[in-house]
Amino acid sequence: MTQVKSQITLEEFLALPGGEGDITYELVDGELKPKMLPKRYHSRLTGTIYTLLKLCVENRGEVGIEWAVTLKRQGRDWVPIPDLLYVSYSRLSSDLIEDEPCPIPPDLAIEIISPDQTFGEMSAKATDYLNAGVMRVWVVDPKAKTVTIFYPDARPQTKSGADILEDSLLEGLKITAEQIFQQAGIS
């Protein structure tokens, strides 16, 4: 197991080897924080949303699964690993070939609530994403079967059932919350 001092810099964090076994870490306030191990429903939702986004943004941007992103949180380096992210090619060149964390705030970060997380925790993380320059954040709740969309300049909107998810950032995406959960086999 890798021994880590209590405070770690961004450079030290980025130089660490991959996760120890099944553990992936995020950098928060100079400390390593373990990311929750995804379970079955989480995995299904990740795959379903990835497929929907990939089809929607084809040739306009990149969709990443658990792609770390370097941001600032309350003035400190922050490296969260959203479950999914989307960044448009107008903001990040499609020619980028480095294997590194996303160097800019993505257009969209998506977090799927794990069984040991709360909506409140994910809401706070969504606010941190927005404050760091992310344009939209989706918090997906498998238990409630909802998708809450957080905006930098408006109140969050929670979509469920036949409510349609559409957004100017994702031109062409038009799907209901219910369809996401049905396609993921969570009904």
Protein backbone atom coordinates (compact mmCIF):
# COMPACT_ATOMS: atom_id res chain seq x y z
CA MET A 1 0.00 0.00 0.00
CA THR A 2 1.26 3.48 -0.83
CA GLN A 3 2.08 5.59 2.21
CA VAL A 4 0.80 9.15 1.86
CA LYS A 5 1.50 12.16 4.04
CA SER A 6 -1.47 14.03 5.49
CA GLN A 7 -1.22 16.99 3.08
CA ILE A 8 -0.39 16.46 -0.57
CA THR A 9 0.16 18.91 -3.42
CA LEU A 10 -1.47 18.70 -6.84
CA GLU A 11 1.86 17.70 -8.39
CA GLU A 12 2.35 14.91 -5.82
CA PHE A 13 -1.21 13.72 -6.36
CA LEU A 14 -0.82 13.58 -10.13
CA ALA A 15 2.46 11.63 -9.74
CA LEU A 16 0.86 8.88 -7.62
CA PRO A 17 0.45 5.46 -9.21
CA GLY A 18 -3.07 4.28 -10.10
CA GLY A 19 -5.51 3.29 -7.38
CA GLU A 20 -4.59 0.60 -4.88
CA GLY A 21 -6.70 -2.36 -6.01
CA ASP A 22 -10.28 -1.14 -6.19
CA ILE A 23 -9.64 2.25 -4.56
CA THR A 24 -9.60 5.48 -6.56
CA TYR A 25 -8.84 8.77 -4.83
CA GLU A 26 -9.92 12.36 -5.34
CA LEU A 27 -7.85 15.32 -4.12
CA VAL A 28 -9.89 17.47 -1.73
CA ASP A 29 -8.39 20.19 0.49
CA GLY A 30 -4.89 18.72 0.09
CA GLU A 31 -5.98 15.25 1.20
CA LEU A 32 -6.72 11.99 -0.56
CA LYS A 33 -10.38 11.04 -0.34
CA PRO A 34 -11.44 7.57 -1.49
CA LYS A 35 -14.10 7.52 -4.20
CA MET A 36 -16.94 5.12 -3.53
CA LEU A 37 -16.75 1.76 -5.26
CA PRO A 38 -19.51 1.65 -7.93
CA LYS A 39 -22.11 -1.09 -7.63
CA ARG A 40 -24.45 -2.72 -10.18
CA TYR A 41 -27.09 0.04 -10.60
CA HIS A 42 -24.37 2.68 -10.63
CA SER A 43 -22.58 0.81 -13.40
CA ARG A 44 -25.77 0.37 -15.42
CA LEU A 45 -26.63 4.06 -15.14
CA THR A 46 -23.10 5.08 -16.10
CA GLY A 47 -23.24 2.92 -19.24
CA THR A 48 -26.71 4.11 -20.22
CA ILE A 49 -25.96 7.81 -19.77
CA TYR A 50 -22.61 7.44 -21.54
CA THR A 51 -24.31 5.86 -24.56
CA LEU A 52 -27.02 8.55 -24.68
CA LEU A 53 -24.52 11.40 -24.41
CA LYS A 54 -22.08 9.87 -26.89
CA LEU A 55 -24.80 9.62 -29.53
CA CYS A 56 -26.00 13.16 -28.81
CA VAL A 57 -22.61 14.92 -28.97
CA GLU A 58 -20.94 12.91 -31.71
CA ASN A 59 -18.15 14.97 -33.32
CA ARG A 60 -18.92 17.94 -31.02
CA GLY A 61 -17.16 16.88 -27.85
CA GLU A 62 -15.81 14.16 -25.64
CA VAL A 63 -17.65 12.12 -23.04
CA GLY A 64 -15.48 10.62 -20.33
CA ILE A 65 -16.17 7.96 -17.72
CA GLU A 66 -14.43 8.66 -14.40
CA TRP A 67 -12.04 11.12 -16.06
CA ALA A 68 -10.40 13.20 -13.34
CA VAL A 69 -10.52 16.97 -13.76
CA THR A 70 -8.20 19.59 -12.26
CA LEU A 71 -10.21 22.42 -10.69
CA LYS A 72 -10.06 24.86 -7.79
CA ARG A 73 -12.31 24.54 -4.74
CA GLN A 74 -12.30 27.44 -2.27
CA GLY A 75 -8.96 28.55 -3.71
CA ARG A 76 -7.28 25.14 -3.34
CA ASP A 77 -6.41 22.48 -5.89
CA TRP A 78 -9.26 20.01 -6.31
CA VAL A 79 -9.24 16.88 -8.44
CA PRO A 80 -12.68 15.31 -8.44
CA ILE A 81 -13.50 12.29 -10.55
CA PRO A 82 -17.05 12.72 -11.82
CA ASP A 83 -18.82 9.52 -12.84
CA LEU A 84 -19.19 11.06 -16.30
CA LEU A 85 -18.22 14.34 -17.88
CA TYR A 86 -18.71 16.05 -21.20
CA VAL A 87 -16.42 18.69 -22.64
CA SER A 88 -17.06 20.30 -26.03
CA TYR A 89 -14.37 20.50 -28.68
CA SER A 90 -14.96 24.26 -28.80
CA ARG A 91 -13.45 24.38 -25.29
CA LEU A 92 -10.97 21.49 -25.45
CA SER A 93 -9.30 20.62 -28.72
CA SER A 94 -10.04 17.21 -30.20
CA ASP A 95 -6.30 17.06 -30.96
CA LEU A 96 -5.43 16.73 -27.26
CA ILE A 97 -3.41 13.53 -26.92
CA GLU A 98 -1.99 13.71 -23.39
CA ASP A 99 -3.18 11.05 -20.97
CA GLU A 100 -3.94 13.37 -18.08
CA PRO A 101 -6.82 14.77 -16.08
CA CYS A 102 -9.16 17.06 -17.99
CA PRO A 103 -7.31 20.40 -17.84
CA ILE A 104 -10.41 22.65 -17.99
CA PRO A 105 -13.79 22.72 -16.28
CA PRO A 106 -16.07 20.45 -18.33
CA ASP A 107 -19.35 21.61 -19.80
CA LEU A 108 -21.14 18.90 -17.80
CA ALA A 109 -20.22 16.79 -14.76
CA ILE A 110 -22.48 13.90 -13.74
CA GLU A 111 -22.48 12.31 -10.30
CA ILE A 112 -24.53 9.19 -9.54
CA ILE A 113 -25.45 8.85 -5.88
CA SER A 114 -23.99 5.69 -4.33
CA PRO A 115 -25.82 3.88 -1.50
CA ASP A 116 -23.58 5.42 1.19
CA GLN A 117 -23.89 8.98 -0.15
CA THR A 118 -26.67 11.48 0.40
CA PHE A 119 -28.35 13.90 -1.97
CA GLY A 120 -27.15 16.70 0.31
CA GLU A 121 -23.51 15.65 -0.12
CA MET A 122 -23.90 15.48 -3.88
CA SER A 123 -25.71 18.85 -3.90
CA ALA A 124 -22.76 20.43 -2.10
CA LYS A 125 -20.37 18.81 -4.60
CA ALA A 126 -22.53 20.13 -7.46
CA THR A 127 -22.20 23.65 -6.02
CA ASP A 128 -18.41 23.19 -5.83
CA TYR A 129 -18.36 22.11 -9.49
CA LEU A 130 -20.36 25.18 -10.54
CA ASN A 131 -18.14 27.51 -8.48
CA ALA A 132 -15.13 25.96 -10.26
CA GLY A 133 -16.54 26.83 -13.71
CA VAL A 134 -18.45 23.70 -14.70
CA MET A 135 -21.50 24.82 -16.69
CA ARG A 136 -23.95 22.05 -15.65
CA VAL A 137 -24.05 19.31 -13.09
CA TRP A 138 -26.42 16.36 -13.04
CA VAL A 139 -26.97 14.46 -9.82
CA VAL A 140 -28.58 11.13 -10.60
CA ASP A 141 -30.46 9.44 -7.75
CA PRO A 142 -31.08 5.72 -8.45
CA LYS A 143 -33.35 5.30 -5.39
CA ALA A 144 -35.63 8.24 -6.15
CA LYS A 145 -35.22 7.72 -9.93
CA THR A 146 -34.53 11.42 -10.44
CA VAL A 147 -32.01 13.58 -12.25
CA THR A 148 -31.39 16.98 -10.66
CA ILE A 149 -29.79 19.54 -12.97
CA PHE A 150 -27.72 22.28 -11.35
CA TYR A 151 -27.12 25.57 -13.20
CA PRO A 152 -24.70 28.40 -12.38
CA ASP A 153 -27.38 31.06 -12.75
CA ALA A 154 -30.68 29.37 -11.86
CA ARG A 155 -32.24 27.11 -9.27
CA PRO A 156 -31.74 23.35 -9.67
CA GLN A 157 -34.44 21.43 -11.52
CA THR A 158 -35.34 17.87 -10.59
CA LYS A 159 -36.61 15.66 -13.39
CA SER A 160 -38.52 12.43 -12.80
CA GLY A 161 -40.93 10.19 -14.65
CA ALA A 162 -41.99 11.73 -17.98
CA ASP A 163 -40.10 15.01 -17.36
CA ILE A 164 -37.88 15.70 -20.37
CA LEU A 165 -34.17 16.37 -20.01
CA GLU A 166 -33.00 18.79 -22.66
CA ASP A 167 -30.34 21.46 -22.56
CA SER A 168 -28.71 23.92 -24.94
CA LEU A 169 -25.33 22.42 -23.98
CA LEU A 170 -26.48 19.05 -25.31
CA GLU A 171 -28.26 20.02 -28.50
CA GLY A 172 -30.40 17.12 -29.69
CA LEU A 173 -30.69 15.34 -26.35
CA LYS A 174 -34.33 14.80 -25.53
CA ILE A 175 -35.04 11.96 -23.14
CA THR A 176 -37.13 11.50 -20.04
CA ALA A 177 -35.78 10.62 -16.63
CA GLU A 178 -37.96 7.49 -16.77
CA GLN A 179 -36.32 6.38 -20.04
CA ILE A 180 -32.84 6.64 -18.50
CA PHE A 181 -33.78 4.37 -15.61
CA GLN A 182 -35.70 1.95 -17.85
CA GLN A 183 -32.79 1.67 -20.31
CA ALA A 184 -30.49 1.01 -17.33
CA GLY A 185 -32.83 -1.78 -16.18
CA ILE A 186 -33.76 0.06 -12.99
CA SER A 187 -37.53 0.21 -12.81
